[in-house]
C-alpha atoms as a PDB file:
ATOM      1  CA  MET A   1      95.985  76.681 103.068  1.00  0.00           C
ATOM      2  CA  THR A   2      97.702  74.984 100.156  1.00  0.00           C
ATOM      3  CA  ARG A   3     100.245  77.826  99.927  1.00  0.00           C
ATOM      4  CA  LEU A   4     101.255  77.230 103.505  1.00  0.00           C
ATOM      5  CA  LYS A   5     101.843  73.506 103.024  1.00  0.00           C
ATOM      6  CA  ALA A   6     103.578  73.971  99.672  1.00  0.00           C
ATOM      7  CA  LEU A   7     105.951  76.599 101.071  1.00  0.00           C
ATOM      8  CA  ARG A   8     106.725  74.476 104.145  1.00  0.00           C
ATOM      9  CA  LYS A   9     107.564  71.492 101.954  1.00  0.00           C
ATOM     10  CA  GLU A  10     109.577  73.702  99.571  1.00  0.00           C
ATOM     11  CA  ARG A  11     111.697  74.785 102.526  1.00  0.00           C
ATOM     12  CA  GLY A  12     112.119  71.130 103.585  1.00  0.00           C
ATOM     13  CA  PHE A  13     110.400  71.668 106.939  1.00  0.00           C
ATOM     14  CA  THR A  14     108.217  69.177 108.786  1.00  0.00           C
ATOM     15  CA  GLN A  15     105.283  70.218 110.926  1.00  0.00           C
ATOM     16  CA  ILE A  16     107.436  69.413 113.975  1.00  0.00           C
ATOM     17  CA  LYS A  17     110.128  71.796 112.665  1.00  0.00           C
ATOM     18  CA  MET A  18     107.428  74.462 112.249  1.00  0.00           C
ATOM     19  CA  GLN A  19     106.406  73.861 115.849  1.00  0.00           C
ATOM     20  CA  MET A  20     109.975  74.474 116.966  1.00  0.00           C
ATOM     21  CA  LEU A  21     110.322  77.603 114.819  1.00  0.00           C
ATOM     22  CA  THR A  22     106.956  79.189 115.642  1.00  0.00           C
ATOM     23  CA  GLY A  23     105.911  77.848 119.030  1.00  0.00           C
ATOM     24  CA  ILE A  24     102.596  76.701 117.531  1.00  0.00           C
ATOM     25  CA  ASP A  25     101.690  73.188 118.666  1.00  0.00           C
ATOM     26  CA  GLN A  26     102.050  70.648 115.835  1.00  0.00           C
ATOM     27  CA  SER A  27      98.404  69.553 116.065  1.00  0.00           C
ATOM     28  CA  ASP A  28      97.235  73.170 115.846  1.00  0.00           C
ATOM     29  CA  TYR A  29      99.651  73.820 112.998  1.00  0.00           C
ATOM     30  CA  SER A  30      98.292  70.769 111.165  1.00  0.00           C
ATOM     31  CA  LYS A  31      94.753  72.128 111.533  1.00  0.00           C
ATOM     32  CA  ILE A  32      95.851  75.547 110.262  1.00  0.00           C
ATOM     33  CA  GLU A  33      97.553  73.970 107.287  1.00  0.00           C
ATOM     34  CA  SER A  34      94.506  71.877 106.393  1.00  0.00           C
ATOM     35  CA  GLY A  35      92.091  74.796 106.817  1.00  0.00           C
ATOM     36  CA  ARG A  36      90.278  73.353 109.816  1.00  0.00           C
ATOM     37  CA  ARG A  37      91.490  76.211 112.016  1.00  0.00           C
ATOM     38  CA  HIS A  38      92.315  79.852 111.372  1.00  0.00           C
ATOM     39  CA  TYR A  39      95.498  81.387 112.671  1.00  0.00           C
ATOM     40  CA  THR A  40      95.742  84.549 114.679  1.00  0.00           C
ATOM     41  CA  PHE A  41      97.617  87.615 113.475  1.00  0.00           C
ATOM     42  CA  GLU A  42     100.541  86.722 115.742  1.00  0.00           C
ATOM     43  CA  GLN A  43     100.616  83.104 114.505  1.00  0.00           C
ATOM     44  CA  CYS A  44     100.571  84.283 110.909  1.00  0.00           C
ATOM     45  CA  ARG A  45     103.478  86.639 111.624  1.00  0.00           C
ATOM     46  CA  ARG A  46     105.539  83.852 113.216  1.00  0.00           C
ATOM     47  CA  ILE A  47     104.765  81.449 110.353  1.00  0.00           C
ATOM     48  CA  ALA A  48     105.717  84.047 107.740  1.00  0.00           C
ATOM     49  CA  GLN A  49     109.010  84.751 109.520  1.00  0.00           C
ATOM     50  CA  ALA A  50     109.830  81.051 109.849  1.00  0.00           C
ATOM     51  CA  LEU A  51     109.129  80.416 106.155  1.00  0.00           C
ATOM     52  CA  GLY A  52     110.882  83.574 104.962  1.00  0.00           C
ATOM     53  CA  THR A  53     107.819  85.041 103.283  1.00  0.00           C
ATOM     54  CA  SER A  54     105.241  87.770 103.836  1.00  0.00           C
ATOM     55  CA  MET A  55     101.898  87.546 105.549  1.00  0.00           C
ATOM     56  CA  ASP A  56     100.351  88.820 102.300  1.00  0.00           C
ATOM     57  CA  TYR A  57     101.742  85.800 100.446  1.00  0.00           C
ATOM     58  CA  LEU A  58     100.256  83.428 103.020  1.00  0.00           C
ATOM     59  CA  ALA A  59      96.907  85.214 102.705  1.00  0.00           C
ATOM     60  CA  GLY A  60      96.958  84.974  98.913  1.00  0.00           C
ATOM     61  CA  LEU A  61      97.128  88.750  98.401  1.00  0.00           C
ATOM     62  CA  THR A  62     100.345  88.551  96.385  1.00  0.00           C
ATOM     63  CA  ASP A  63     102.195  85.942  94.376  1.00  0.00           C
ATOM     64  CA  GLU A  64     105.575  87.303  95.492  1.00  0.00           C
ATOM     65  CA  LYS A  65     107.087  84.871  97.990  1.00  0.00           C
ATOM     66  CA  ALA A  66     109.939  87.148  99.095  1.00  0.00           C
ATOM     67  CA  PRO A  67     109.311  88.973 102.354  1.00  0.00           C
ATOM     68  CA  TYR A  68     109.117  92.719 102.473  1.00  0.00           C
ATOM     69  CA  PRO A  69     112.258  94.551 103.551  1.00  0.00           C
ATOM     70  CA  ARG A  70     112.275  95.125 107.291  1.00  0.00           C
ATOM     71  CA  THR A  71     112.538  98.681 108.563  1.00  0.00           C
ATOM     72  CA  GLU A  72     114.462  99.791 111.588  1.00  0.00           C
ATOM     73  CA  GLU A  73     112.279 100.796 114.526  1.00  0.00           C
ATOM     74  CA  TYR A  74     113.390 103.923 116.299  1.00  0.00           C
END
């Protein structure tokens, strides 16, 4: 989870700020960040949105930090 921590620090966010942005309890977020707990799909989505990145970047599937363009849902 080093990408997660590095990106959070790059954005200037604390774990408490991430709790406010994502609704994930700070202690749970700390465990996710340190790799002692896995996040759910929904938690990953909320974290990616809060950090302005993609879920693929958080998972290590791409080195591109920028999020994908959002599409309109009809």
